All heavy atoms as atom14 arrays in JSON, in Angstrom:
{
  "sequence": "TFPAALMAEEITTPGTGQLRTLFVSAGNPVLSVPNGRALVEALPGLDL",
  "atom14_mask": [
    [1, 1, 1, 1, 1, 1, 1, 0, 0, 0, 0, 0, 0, 0],
    [1, 1, 1, 1, 1, 1, 1, 1, 1, 1, 1, 0, 0, 0],
    [1, 1, 1, 1, 1, 1, 1, 0, 0, 0, 0, 0, 0, 0],
    [1, 1, 1, 1, 1, 0, 0, 0, 0, 0, 0, 0, 0, 0],
    [1, 1, 1, 1, 1, 0, 0, 0, 0, 0, 0, 0, 0, 0],
    [1, 1, 1, 1, 1, 1, 1, 1, 0, 0, 0, 0, 0, 0],
    [1, 1, 1, 1, 1, 1, 1, 1, 0, 0, 0, 0, 0, 0],
    [1, 1, 1, 1, 1, 0, 0, 0, 0, 0, 0, 0, 0, 0],
    [1, 1, 1, 1, 1, 1, 1, 1, 1, 0, 0, 0, 0, 0],
    [1, 1, 1, 1, 1, 1, 1, 1, 1, 0, 0, 0, 0, 0],
    [1, 1, 1, 1, 1, 1, 1, 1, 0, 0, 0, 0, 0, 0],
    [1, 1, 1, 1, 1, 1, 1, 0, 0, 0, 0, 0, 0, 0],
    [1, 1, 1, 1, 1, 1, 1, 0, 0, 0, 0, 0, 0, 0],
    [1, 1, 1, 1, 1, 1, 1, 0, 0, 0, 0, 0, 0, 0],
    [1, 1, 1, 1, 0, 0, 0, 0, 0, 0, 0, 0, 0, 0],
    [1, 1, 1, 1, 1, 1, 1, 0, 0, 0, 0, 0, 0, 0],
    [1, 1, 1, 1, 0, 0, 0, 0, 0, 0, 0, 0, 0, 0],
    [1, 1, 1, 1, 1, 1, 1, 1, 1, 0, 0, 0, 0, 0],
    [1, 1, 1, 1, 1, 1, 1, 1, 0, 0, 0, 0, 0, 0],
    [1, 1, 1, 1, 1, 1, 1, 1, 1, 1, 1, 0, 0, 0],
    [1, 1, 1, 1, 1, 1, 1, 0, 0, 0, 0, 0, 0, 0],
    [1, 1, 1, 1, 1, 1, 1, 1, 0, 0, 0, 0, 0, 0],
    [1, 1, 1, 1, 1, 1, 1, 1, 1, 1, 1, 0, 0, 0],
    [1, 1, 1, 1, 1, 1, 1, 0, 0, 0, 0, 0, 0, 0],
    [1, 1, 1, 1, 1, 1, 0, 0, 0, 0, 0, 0, 0, 0],
    [1, 1, 1, 1, 1, 0, 0, 0, 0, 0, 0, 0, 0, 0],
    [1, 1, 1, 1, 0, 0, 0, 0, 0, 0, 0, 0, 0, 0],
    [1, 1, 1, 1, 1, 1, 1, 1, 0, 0, 0, 0, 0, 0],
    [1, 1, 1, 1, 1, 1, 1, 0, 0, 0, 0, 0, 0, 0],
    [1, 1, 1, 1, 1, 1, 1, 0, 0, 0, 0, 0, 0, 0],
    [1, 1, 1, 1, 1, 1, 1, 1, 0, 0, 0, 0, 0, 0],
    [1, 1, 1, 1, 1, 1, 0, 0, 0, 0, 0, 0, 0, 0],
    [1, 1, 1, 1, 1, 1, 1, 0, 0, 0, 0, 0, 0, 0],
    [1, 1, 1, 1, 1, 1, 1, 0, 0, 0, 0, 0, 0, 0],
    [1, 1, 1, 1, 1, 1, 1, 1, 0, 0, 0, 0, 0, 0],
    [1, 1, 1, 1, 0, 0, 0, 0, 0, 0, 0, 0, 0, 0],
    [1, 1, 1, 1, 1, 1, 1, 1, 1, 1, 1, 0, 0, 0],
    [1, 1, 1, 1, 1, 0, 0, 0, 0, 0, 0, 0, 0, 0],
    [1, 1, 1, 1, 1, 1, 1, 1, 0, 0, 0, 0, 0, 0],
    [1, 1, 1, 1, 1, 1, 1, 0, 0, 0, 0, 0, 0, 0],
    [1, 1, 1, 1, 1, 1, 1, 1, 1, 0, 0, 0, 0, 0],
    [1, 1, 1, 1, 1, 0, 0, 0, 0, 0, 0, 0, 0, 0],
    [1, 1, 1, 1, 1, 1, 1, 1, 0, 0, 0, 0, 0, 0],
    [1, 1, 1, 1, 1, 1, 1, 0, 0, 0, 0, 0, 0, 0],
    [1, 1, 1, 1, 0, 0, 0, 0, 0, 0, 0, 0, 0, 0],
    [1, 1, 1, 1, 1, 1, 1, 1, 0, 0, 0, 0, 0, 0],
    [1, 1, 1, 1, 1, 1, 1, 1, 0, 0, 0, 0, 0, 0],
    [1, 1, 1, 1, 1, 1, 1, 1, 0, 0, 0, 0, 0, 0]
  ],
  "atom14_positions": [
    [[0.83, 10.1, -10.9], [0.99, 8.95, -10.01], [2.34, 9.02, -9.31], [3.29, 9.59, -9.76], [0.94, 7.67, -10.88], [2.07, 7.54, -11.71], [-0.28, 7.6, -11.72], [0.0, 0.0, 0.0], [0.0, 0.0, 0.0], [0.0, 0.0, 0.0], [0.0, 0.0, 0.0], [0.0, 0.0, 0.0], [0.0, 0.0, 0.0], [0.0, 0.0, 0.0]],
    [[2.31, 8.37, -8.12], [3.63, 8.25, -7.34], [4.12, 6.86, -7.45], [3.4, 5.9, -7.89], [3.29, 8.62, -5.9], [3.05, 10.04, -5.64], [1.86, 10.49, -5.07], [3.89, 11.0, -6.04], [1.6, 11.78, -4.75], [3.74, 12.36, -5.76], [2.55, 12.75, -5.16], [0.0, 0.0, 0.0], [0.0, 0.0, 0.0], [0.0, 0.0, 0.0]],
    [[5.39, 6.67, -7.06], [5.98, 5.29, -7.12], [5.24, 4.25, -6.25], [5.05, 4.47, -5.07], [7.37, 5.49, -6.54], [7.72, 7.01, -6.69], [6.37, 7.66, -6.6], [0.0, 0.0, 0.0], [0.0, 0.0, 0.0], [0.0, 0.0, 0.0], [0.0, 0.0, 0.0], [0.0, 0.0, 0.0], [0.0, 0.0, 0.0], [0.0, 0.0, 0.0]],
    [[4.85, 3.13, -6.91], [4.11, 2.14, -6.24], [4.89, 1.45, -5.13], [4.35, 0.93, -4.2], [3.6, 1.13, -7.21], [0.0, 0.0, 0.0], [0.0, 0.0, 0.0], [0.0, 0.0, 0.0], [0.0, 0.0, 0.0], [0.0, 0.0, 0.0], [0.0, 0.0, 0.0], [0.0, 0.0, 0.0], [0.0, 0.0, 0.0], [0.0, 0.0, 0.0]],
    [[6.22, 1.61, -5.17], [7.09, 0.99, -4.18], [6.83, 1.59, -2.78], [7.25, 1.06, -1.79], [8.54, 1.05, -4.59], [0.0, 0.0, 0.0], [0.0, 0.0, 0.0], [0.0, 0.0, 0.0], [0.0, 0.0, 0.0], [0.0, 0.0, 0.0], [0.0, 0.0, 0.0], [0.0, 0.0, 0.0], [0.0, 0.0, 0.0], [0.0, 0.0, 0.0]],
    [[6.21, 2.79, -2.74], [6.08, 3.47, -1.53], [4.7, 3.04, -0.84], [4.44, 3.51, 0.34], [5.98, 5.03, -1.79], [7.14, 5.69, -2.44], [6.88, 7.16, -2.68], [8.47, 5.48, -1.64], [0.0, 0.0, 0.0], [0.0, 0.0, 0.0], [0.0, 0.0, 0.0], [0.0, 0.0, 0.0], [0.0, 0.0, 0.0], [0.0, 0.0, 0.0]],
    [[3.93, 2.24, -1.41], [2.57, 2.03, -0.91], [2.5, 1.5, 0.51], [1.75, 1.98, 1.39], [1.81, 1.09, -1.89], [1.35, 1.75, -3.21], [0.72, 0.59, -4.41], [-0.72, -0.01, -3.52], [0.0, 0.0, 0.0], [0.0, 0.0, 0.0], [0.0, 0.0, 0.0], [0.0, 0.0, 0.0], [0.0, 0.0, 0.0], [0.0, 0.0, 0.0]],
    [[3.33, 0.52, 0.69], [3.34, -0.15, 2.07], [3.66, 0.81, 3.1], [3.0, 0.93, 4.2], [4.3, -1.32, 2.13], [0.0, 0.0, 0.0], [0.0, 0.0, 0.0], [0.0, 0.0, 0.0], [0.0, 0.0, 0.0], [0.0, 0.0, 0.0], [0.0, 0.0, 0.0], [0.0, 0.0, 0.0], [0.0, 0.0, 0.0], [0.0, 0.0, 0.0]],
    [[4.68, 1.69, 2.9], [5.09, 2.61, 3.94], [4.06, 3.72, 4.03], [3.88, 4.32, 5.17], [6.44, 3.22, 3.56], [7.17, 3.88, 4.73], [8.62, 4.17, 4.42], [9.17, 3.77, 3.44], [9.22, 5.01, 5.29], [0.0, 0.0, 0.0], [0.0, 0.0, 0.0], [0.0, 0.0, 0.0], [0.0, 0.0, 0.0], [0.0, 0.0, 0.0]],
    [[3.41, 4.07, 2.98], [2.36, 5.05, 3.06], [1.21, 4.65, 3.91], [0.52, 5.35, 4.61], [1.85, 5.5, 1.61], [2.83, 6.3, 0.82], [2.89, 7.79, 1.21], [2.36, 8.09, 2.24], [3.53, 8.53, 0.49], [0.0, 0.0, 0.0], [0.0, 0.0, 0.0], [0.0, 0.0, 0.0], [0.0, 0.0, 0.0], [0.0, 0.0, 0.0]],
    [[0.94, 3.28, 3.88], [-0.14, 2.83, 4.71], [0.26, 2.71, 6.19], [-0.52, 3.0, 7.04], [-0.52, 1.3, 4.21], [-1.11, 1.47, 2.82], [-1.47, 0.62, 5.19], [-1.27, 0.03, 2.2], [0.0, 0.0, 0.0], [0.0, 0.0, 0.0], [0.0, 0.0, 0.0], [0.0, 0.0, 0.0], [0.0, 0.0, 0.0], [0.0, 0.0, 0.0]],
    [[1.5, 2.35, 6.48], [1.92, 2.13, 7.84], [2.5, 3.37, 8.54], [2.67, 3.3, 9.78], [3.03, 1.0, 7.91], [4.09, 1.35, 7.11], [2.39, -0.3, 7.3], [0.0, 0.0, 0.0], [0.0, 0.0, 0.0], [0.0, 0.0, 0.0], [0.0, 0.0, 0.0], [0.0, 0.0, 0.0], [0.0, 0.0, 0.0], [0.0, 0.0, 0.0]],
    [[2.77, 4.41, 7.8], [3.42, 5.66, 8.45], [2.25, 6.6, 8.87], [1.66, 7.19, 8.01], [4.34, 6.27, 7.48], [5.34, 5.41, 7.1], [4.97, 7.52, 8.2], [0.0, 0.0, 0.0], [0.0, 0.0, 0.0], [0.0, 0.0, 0.0], [0.0, 0.0, 0.0], [0.0, 0.0, 0.0], [0.0, 0.0, 0.0], [0.0, 0.0, 0.0]],
    [[2.08, 6.82, 10.18], [1.08, 7.68, 10.65], [1.33, 9.18, 10.27], [2.46, 9.51, 9.99], [1.07, 7.55, 12.19], [1.87, 6.34, 12.49], [2.82, 6.24, 11.26], [0.0, 0.0, 0.0], [0.0, 0.0, 0.0], [0.0, 0.0, 0.0], [0.0, 0.0, 0.0], [0.0, 0.0, 0.0], [0.0, 0.0, 0.0], [0.0, 0.0, 0.0]],
    [[0.23, 9.96, 10.33], [0.42, 11.44, 10.08], [-0.55, 11.88, 9.05], [-1.28, 11.07, 8.46], [0.0, 0.0, 0.0], [0.0, 0.0, 0.0], [0.0, 0.0, 0.0], [0.0, 0.0, 0.0], [0.0, 0.0, 0.0], [0.0, 0.0, 0.0], [0.0, 0.0, 0.0], [0.0, 0.0, 0.0], [0.0, 0.0, 0.0], [0.0, 0.0, 0.0]],
    [[-0.61, 13.16, 8.75], [-1.45, 13.78, 7.76], [-1.18, 13.12, 6.44], [-0.02, 13.0, 6.04], [-1.25, 15.26, 7.78], [-1.44, 15.83, 8.97], [-2.11, 15.89, 6.7], [0.0, 0.0, 0.0], [0.0, 0.0, 0.0], [0.0, 0.0, 0.0], [0.0, 0.0, 0.0], [0.0, 0.0, 0.0], [0.0, 0.0, 0.0], [0.0, 0.0, 0.0]],
    [[-2.28, 12.68, 5.79], [-2.12, 12.12, 4.47], [-1.82, 10.64, 4.47], [-1.53, 10.05, 3.48], [0.0, 0.0, 0.0], [0.0, 0.0, 0.0], [0.0, 0.0, 0.0], [0.0, 0.0, 0.0], [0.0, 0.0, 0.0], [0.0, 0.0, 0.0], [0.0, 0.0, 0.0], [0.0, 0.0, 0.0], [0.0, 0.0, 0.0], [0.0, 0.0, 0.0]],
    [[-1.89, 9.99, 5.69], [-1.69, 8.56, 5.74], [-2.69, 7.84, 4.89], [-3.89, 8.15, 4.84], [-1.74, 8.09, 7.1], [-1.47, 6.54, 7.28], [-1.67, 6.06, 8.73], [-2.03, 6.84, 9.64], [-1.34, 4.77, 8.96], [0.0, 0.0, 0.0], [0.0, 0.0, 0.0], [0.0, 0.0, 0.0], [0.0, 0.0, 0.0], [0.0, 0.0, 0.0]],
    [[-2.26, 6.79, 4.05], [-3.18, 6.06, 3.22], [-3.99, 5.16, 4.02], [-3.55, 4.2, 4.67], [-2.3, 5.31, 2.16], [-3.08, 4.37, 1.15], [-4.1, 5.26, 0.41], [-2.09, 3.76, 0.23], [0.0, 0.0, 0.0], [0.0, 0.0, 0.0], [0.0, 0.0, 0.0], [0.0, 0.0, 0.0], [0.0, 0.0, 0.0], [0.0, 0.0, 0.0]],
    [[-5.36, 5.42, 4.04], [-6.31, 4.63, 4.8], [-7.4, 3.9, 3.96], [-7.97, 2.97, 4.46], [-7.08, 5.55, 5.75], [-6.21, 6.44, 6.66], [-5.37, 5.69, 7.6], [-6.14, 4.78, 8.36], [-5.68, 4.1, 9.51], [-4.58, 4.42, 10.01], [-6.51, 3.24, 10.09], [0.0, 0.0, 0.0], [0.0, 0.0, 0.0], [0.0, 0.0, 0.0]],
    [[-7.62, 4.39, 2.76], [-8.7, 3.72, 1.95], [-8.0, 3.53, 0.59], [-7.39, 4.47, -0.06], [-9.85, 4.68, 1.7], [-10.51, 4.95, 3.01], [-10.83, 4.16, 0.78], [0.0, 0.0, 0.0], [0.0, 0.0, 0.0], [0.0, 0.0, 0.0], [0.0, 0.0, 0.0], [0.0, 0.0, 0.0], [0.0, 0.0, 0.0], [0.0, 0.0, 0.0]],
    [[-8.04, 2.27, 0.06], [-7.31, 1.89, -1.14], [-8.2, 1.12, -2.08], [-8.91, 0.24, -1.65], [-6.14, 1.05, -0.77], [-5.24, 0.55, -2.06], [-4.59, 1.71, -2.74], [-4.2, -0.39, -1.46], [0.0, 0.0, 0.0], [0.0, 0.0, 0.0], [0.0, 0.0, 0.0], [0.0, 0.0, 0.0], [0.0, 0.0, 0.0], [0.0, 0.0, 0.0]],
    [[-8.21, 1.55, -3.38], [-8.75, 0.84, -4.49], [-7.63, 0.21, -5.37], [-6.7, 1.04, -5.62], [-9.71, 1.74, -5.28], [-10.95, 2.17, -4.5], [-10.82, 3.32, -3.6], [-12.17, 1.59, -4.74], [-11.97, 3.7, -2.93], [-13.25, 1.99, -4.0], [-13.2, 3.09, -3.15], [0.0, 0.0, 0.0], [0.0, 0.0, 0.0], [0.0, 0.0, 0.0]],
    [[-7.81, -0.92, -5.83], [-6.92, -1.53, -6.71], [-7.7, -2.06, -7.9], [-8.63, -2.85, -7.76], [-6.04, -2.67, -6.08], [-5.25, -3.36, -7.13], [-5.15, -2.16, -5.0], [0.0, 0.0, 0.0], [0.0, 0.0, 0.0], [0.0, 0.0, 0.0], [0.0, 0.0, 0.0], [0.0, 0.0, 0.0], [0.0, 0.0, 0.0], [0.0, 0.0, 0.0]],
    [[-7.34, -1.63, -9.08], [-8.0, -2.16, -10.35], [-7.03, -2.73, -11.32], [-5.95, -2.11, -11.55], [-8.85, -0.95, -10.94], [-8.06, 0.09, -11.34], [0.0, 0.0, 0.0], [0.0, 0.0, 0.0], [0.0, 0.0, 0.0], [0.0, 0.0, 0.0], [0.0, 0.0, 0.0], [0.0, 0.0, 0.0], [0.0, 0.0, 0.0], [0.0, 0.0, 0.0]],
    [[-7.4, -3.92, -11.77], [-6.63, -4.5, -12.82], [-5.13, -4.68, -12.46], [-4.2, -4.52, -13.26], [-6.72, -3.82, -14.15], [0.0, 0.0, 0.0], [0.0, 0.0, 0.0], [0.0, 0.0, 0.0], [0.0, 0.0, 0.0], [0.0, 0.0, 0.0], [0.0, 0.0, 0.0], [0.0, 0.0, 0.0], [0.0, 0.0, 0.0], [0.0, 0.0, 0.0]],
    [[-4.84, -4.97, -11.15], [-3.46, -5.04, -10.75], [-3.28, -6.01, -9.61], [-4.21, -6.35, -8.87], [0.0, 0.0, 0.0], [0.0, 0.0, 0.0], [0.0, 0.0, 0.0], [0.0, 0.0, 0.0], [0.0, 0.0, 0.0], [0.0, 0.0, 0.0], [0.0, 0.0, 0.0], [0.0, 0.0, 0.0], [0.0, 0.0, 0.0], [0.0, 0.0, 0.0]],
    [[-2.03, -6.38, -9.46], [-1.6, -7.32, -8.35], [-0.31, -6.87, -7.79], [0.74, -7.55, -7.96], [-1.46, -8.78, -8.95], [-1.35, -9.85, -7.92], [-1.38, -9.56, -6.71], [-1.16, -11.11, -8.37], [0.0, 0.0, 0.0], [0.0, 0.0, 0.0], [0.0, 0.0, 0.0], [0.0, 0.0, 0.0], [0.0, 0.0, 0.0], [0.0, 0.0, 0.0]],
    [[-0.29, -5.71, -7.13], [0.95, -5.12, -6.67], [1.74, -5.95, -5.68], [2.97, -5.77, -5.61], [0.54, -3.82, -6.04], [-0.92, -3.92, -5.72], [-1.47, -4.79, -6.78], [0.0, 0.0, 0.0], [0.0, 0.0, 0.0], [0.0, 0.0, 0.0], [0.0, 0.0, 0.0], [0.0, 0.0, 0.0], [0.0, 0.0, 0.0], [0.0, 0.0, 0.0]],
    [[1.12, -6.85, -5.03], [1.91, -7.78, -4.12], [2.89, -8.52, -4.93], [4.05, -8.86, -4.49], [0.95, -8.74, -3.38], [1.71, -9.91, -2.76], [0.23, -7.96, -2.24], [0.0, 0.0, 0.0], [0.0, 0.0, 0.0], [0.0, 0.0, 0.0], [0.0, 0.0, 0.0], [0.0, 0.0, 0.0], [0.0, 0.0, 0.0], [0.0, 0.0, 0.0]],
    [[2.71, -8.83, -6.21], [3.66, -9.48, -7.05], [4.49, -8.51, -7.89], [5.64, -8.71, -8.14], [2.97, -10.51, -7.99], [2.44, -11.8, -7.41], [2.04, -12.77, -8.53], [3.45, -12.44, -6.5], [0.0, 0.0, 0.0], [0.0, 0.0, 0.0], [0.0, 0.0, 0.0], [0.0, 0.0, 0.0], [0.0, 0.0, 0.0], [0.0, 0.0, 0.0]],
    [[3.8, -7.4, -8.34], [4.44, -6.53, -9.4], [5.26, -5.41, -8.7], [6.07, -4.84, -9.43], [3.45, -6.02, -10.31], [2.51, -5.19, -9.67], [0.0, 0.0, 0.0], [0.0, 0.0, 0.0], [0.0, 0.0, 0.0], [0.0, 0.0, 0.0], [0.0, 0.0, 0.0], [0.0, 0.0, 0.0], [0.0, 0.0, 0.0], [0.0, 0.0, 0.0]],
    [[5.18, -5.21, -7.44], [5.9, -4.15, -6.81], [6.93, -4.79, -5.92], [6.83, -5.83, -5.32], [4.91, -3.23, -5.93], [5.75, -2.31, -5.01], [3.94, -2.52, -6.79], [0.0, 0.0, 0.0], [0.0, 0.0, 0.0], [0.0, 0.0, 0.0], [0.0, 0.0, 0.0], [0.0, 0.0, 0.0], [0.0, 0.0, 0.0], [0.0, 0.0, 0.0]],
    [[8.16, -4.17, -5.82], [9.26, -4.71, -4.96], [8.73, -4.96, -3.62], [7.94, -4.2, -3.02], [10.4, -3.64, -5.03], [10.16, -3.02, -6.36], [8.62, -3.0, -6.59], [0.0, 0.0, 0.0], [0.0, 0.0, 0.0], [0.0, 0.0, 0.0], [0.0, 0.0, 0.0], [0.0, 0.0, 0.0], [0.0, 0.0, 0.0], [0.0, 0.0, 0.0]],
    [[9.24, -6.03, -2.98], [9.05, -6.29, -1.59], [7.48, -6.5, -1.22], [6.97, -5.71, -0.4], [9.67, -5.31, -0.64], [9.68, -5.71, 0.87], [9.38, -6.85, 1.2], [10.04, -4.8, 1.64], [0.0, 0.0, 0.0], [0.0, 0.0, 0.0], [0.0, 0.0, 0.0], [0.0, 0.0, 0.0], [0.0, 0.0, 0.0], [0.0, 0.0, 0.0]],
    [[6.82, -7.39, -1.96], [5.46, -7.62, -1.77], [5.09, -8.03, -0.34], [3.95, -7.91, 0.16], [0.0, 0.0, 0.0], [0.0, 0.0, 0.0], [0.0, 0.0, 0.0], [0.0, 0.0, 0.0], [0.0, 0.0, 0.0], [0.0, 0.0, 0.0], [0.0, 0.0, 0.0], [0.0, 0.0, 0.0], [0.0, 0.0, 0.0], [0.0, 0.0, 0.0]],
    [[6.09, -8.63, 0.42], [5.79, -9.08, 1.79], [5.42, -7.88, 2.6], [4.56, -7.96, 3.47], [6.99, -9.74, 2.34], [7.49, -11.02, 1.66], [8.67, -11.71, 2.34], [9.83, -10.73, 2.43], [10.7, -10.56, 1.49], [10.61, -11.25, 0.32], [11.73, -9.69, 1.64], [0.0, 0.0, 0.0], [0.0, 0.0, 0.0], [0.0, 0.0, 0.0]],
    [[6.08, -6.79, 2.41], [5.73, -5.59, 3.23], [4.3, -5.11, 2.9], [3.68, -4.65, 3.83], [6.79, -4.4, 2.96], [0.0, 0.0, 0.0], [0.0, 0.0, 0.0], [0.0, 0.0, 0.0], [0.0, 0.0, 0.0], [0.0, 0.0, 0.0], [0.0, 0.0, 0.0], [0.0, 0.0, 0.0], [0.0, 0.0, 0.0], [0.0, 0.0, 0.0]],
    [[3.87, -5.17, 1.66], [2.58, -4.75, 1.34], [1.55, -5.6, 1.87], [0.55, -5.22, 2.42], [2.44, -4.73, -0.23], [1.16, -4.11, -0.74], [0.97, -2.59, -0.26], [1.19, -4.01, -2.27], [0.0, 0.0, 0.0], [0.0, 0.0, 0.0], [0.0, 0.0, 0.0], [0.0, 0.0, 0.0], [0.0, 0.0, 0.0], [0.0, 0.0, 0.0]],
    [[1.78, -6.98, 1.86], [0.93, -7.96, 2.51], [0.8, -7.66, 3.98], [-0.42, -7.65, 4.54], [1.42, -9.4, 2.34], [0.71, -10.35, 3.16], [1.31, -9.79, 0.89], [0.0, 0.0, 0.0], [0.0, 0.0, 0.0], [0.0, 0.0, 0.0], [0.0, 0.0, 0.0], [0.0, 0.0, 0.0], [0.0, 0.0, 0.0], [0.0, 0.0, 0.0]],
    [[1.78, -7.26, 4.64], [1.68, -6.94, 6.1], [0.97, -5.69, 6.33], [0.33, -5.44, 7.34], [3.06, -6.89, 6.64], [3.85, -8.25, 6.66], [5.31, -8.09, 6.99], [5.82, -6.96, 7.26], [5.98, -9.12, 7.05], [0.0, 0.0, 0.0], [0.0, 0.0, 0.0], [0.0, 0.0, 0.0], [0.0, 0.0, 0.0], [0.0, 0.0, 0.0]],
    [[1.01, -4.7, 5.29], [0.41, -3.44, 5.55], [-1.08, -3.34, 5.19], [-1.82, -2.62, 5.81], [1.12, -2.36, 4.65], [0.0, 0.0, 0.0], [0.0, 0.0, 0.0], [0.0, 0.0, 0.0], [0.0, 0.0, 0.0], [0.0, 0.0, 0.0], [0.0, 0.0, 0.0], [0.0, 0.0, 0.0], [0.0, 0.0, 0.0], [0.0, 0.0, 0.0]],
    [[-1.5, -4.2, 4.27], [-2.9, -4.07, 3.78], [-3.91, -4.22, 4.86], [-4.97, -3.54, 4.84], [-3.08, -5.14, 2.66], [-2.41, -4.77, 1.33], [-2.55, -6.02, 0.39], [-2.96, -3.5, 0.68], [0.0, 0.0, 0.0], [0.0, 0.0, 0.0], [0.0, 0.0, 0.0], [0.0, 0.0, 0.0], [0.0, 0.0, 0.0], [0.0, 0.0, 0.0]],
    [[-3.81, -5.17, 5.81], [-4.79, -5.24, 6.91], [-4.95, -4.01, 7.68], [-6.03, -3.8, 8.41], [-4.27, -6.4, 7.77], [-3.41, -7.2, 6.82], [-2.71, -6.23, 5.97], [0.0, 0.0, 0.0], [0.0, 0.0, 0.0], [0.0, 0.0, 0.0], [0.0, 0.0, 0.0], [0.0, 0.0, 0.0], [0.0, 0.0, 0.0], [0.0, 0.0, 0.0]],
    [[-4.06, -3.06, 7.63], [-4.23, -1.78, 8.37], [-5.11, -0.76, 7.71], [-5.33, 0.23, 8.29], [0.0, 0.0, 0.0], [0.0, 0.0, 0.0], [0.0, 0.0, 0.0], [0.0, 0.0, 0.0], [0.0, 0.0, 0.0], [0.0, 0.0, 0.0], [0.0, 0.0, 0.0], [0.0, 0.0, 0.0], [0.0, 0.0, 0.0], [0.0, 0.0, 0.0]],
    [[-5.59, -1.06, 6.55], [-6.47, -0.08, 5.77], [-7.85, -0.11, 6.4], [-8.31, -1.14, 6.93], [-6.62, -0.5, 4.32], [-5.32, -0.32, 3.45], [-5.44, -1.02, 2.15], [-5.01, 1.17, 3.23], [0.0, 0.0, 0.0], [0.0, 0.0, 0.0], [0.0, 0.0, 0.0], [0.0, 0.0, 0.0], [0.0, 0.0, 0.0], [0.0, 0.0, 0.0]],
    [[-8.46, 1.07, 6.38], [-9.9, 1.09, 6.81], [-10.83, 0.53, 5.82], [-11.91, -0.04, 6.09], [-10.29, 2.63, 7.01], [-9.53, 3.26, 8.18], [-9.03, 2.5, 9.12], [-9.39, 4.46, 8.14], [0.0, 0.0, 0.0], [0.0, 0.0, 0.0], [0.0, 0.0, 0.0], [0.0, 0.0, 0.0], [0.0, 0.0, 0.0], [0.0, 0.0, 0.0]],
    [[-10.47, 0.6, 4.53], [-11.26, 0.11, 3.39], [-10.33, -0.32, 2.25], [-9.52, 0.53, 1.83], [-12.34, 1.16, 2.88], [-13.16, 0.74, 1.72], [-14.12, -0.37, 2.08], [-14.04, 1.94, 1.25], [0.0, 0.0, 0.0], [0.0, 0.0, 0.0], [0.0, 0.0, 0.0], [0.0, 0.0, 0.0], [0.0, 0.0, 0.0], [0.0, 0.0, 0.0]]
  ]
}
């Protein structure tokens, strides 16, 4: 696993390997990861 703090930037940063499809199980990273605001802003950019 990689640091969850990187998720928002992985979604919003273009390029090879950009995070486009995300599954979340038994978790609420908007609260449990630093700077949940950035993740809230990034999530709508996912394809799925």
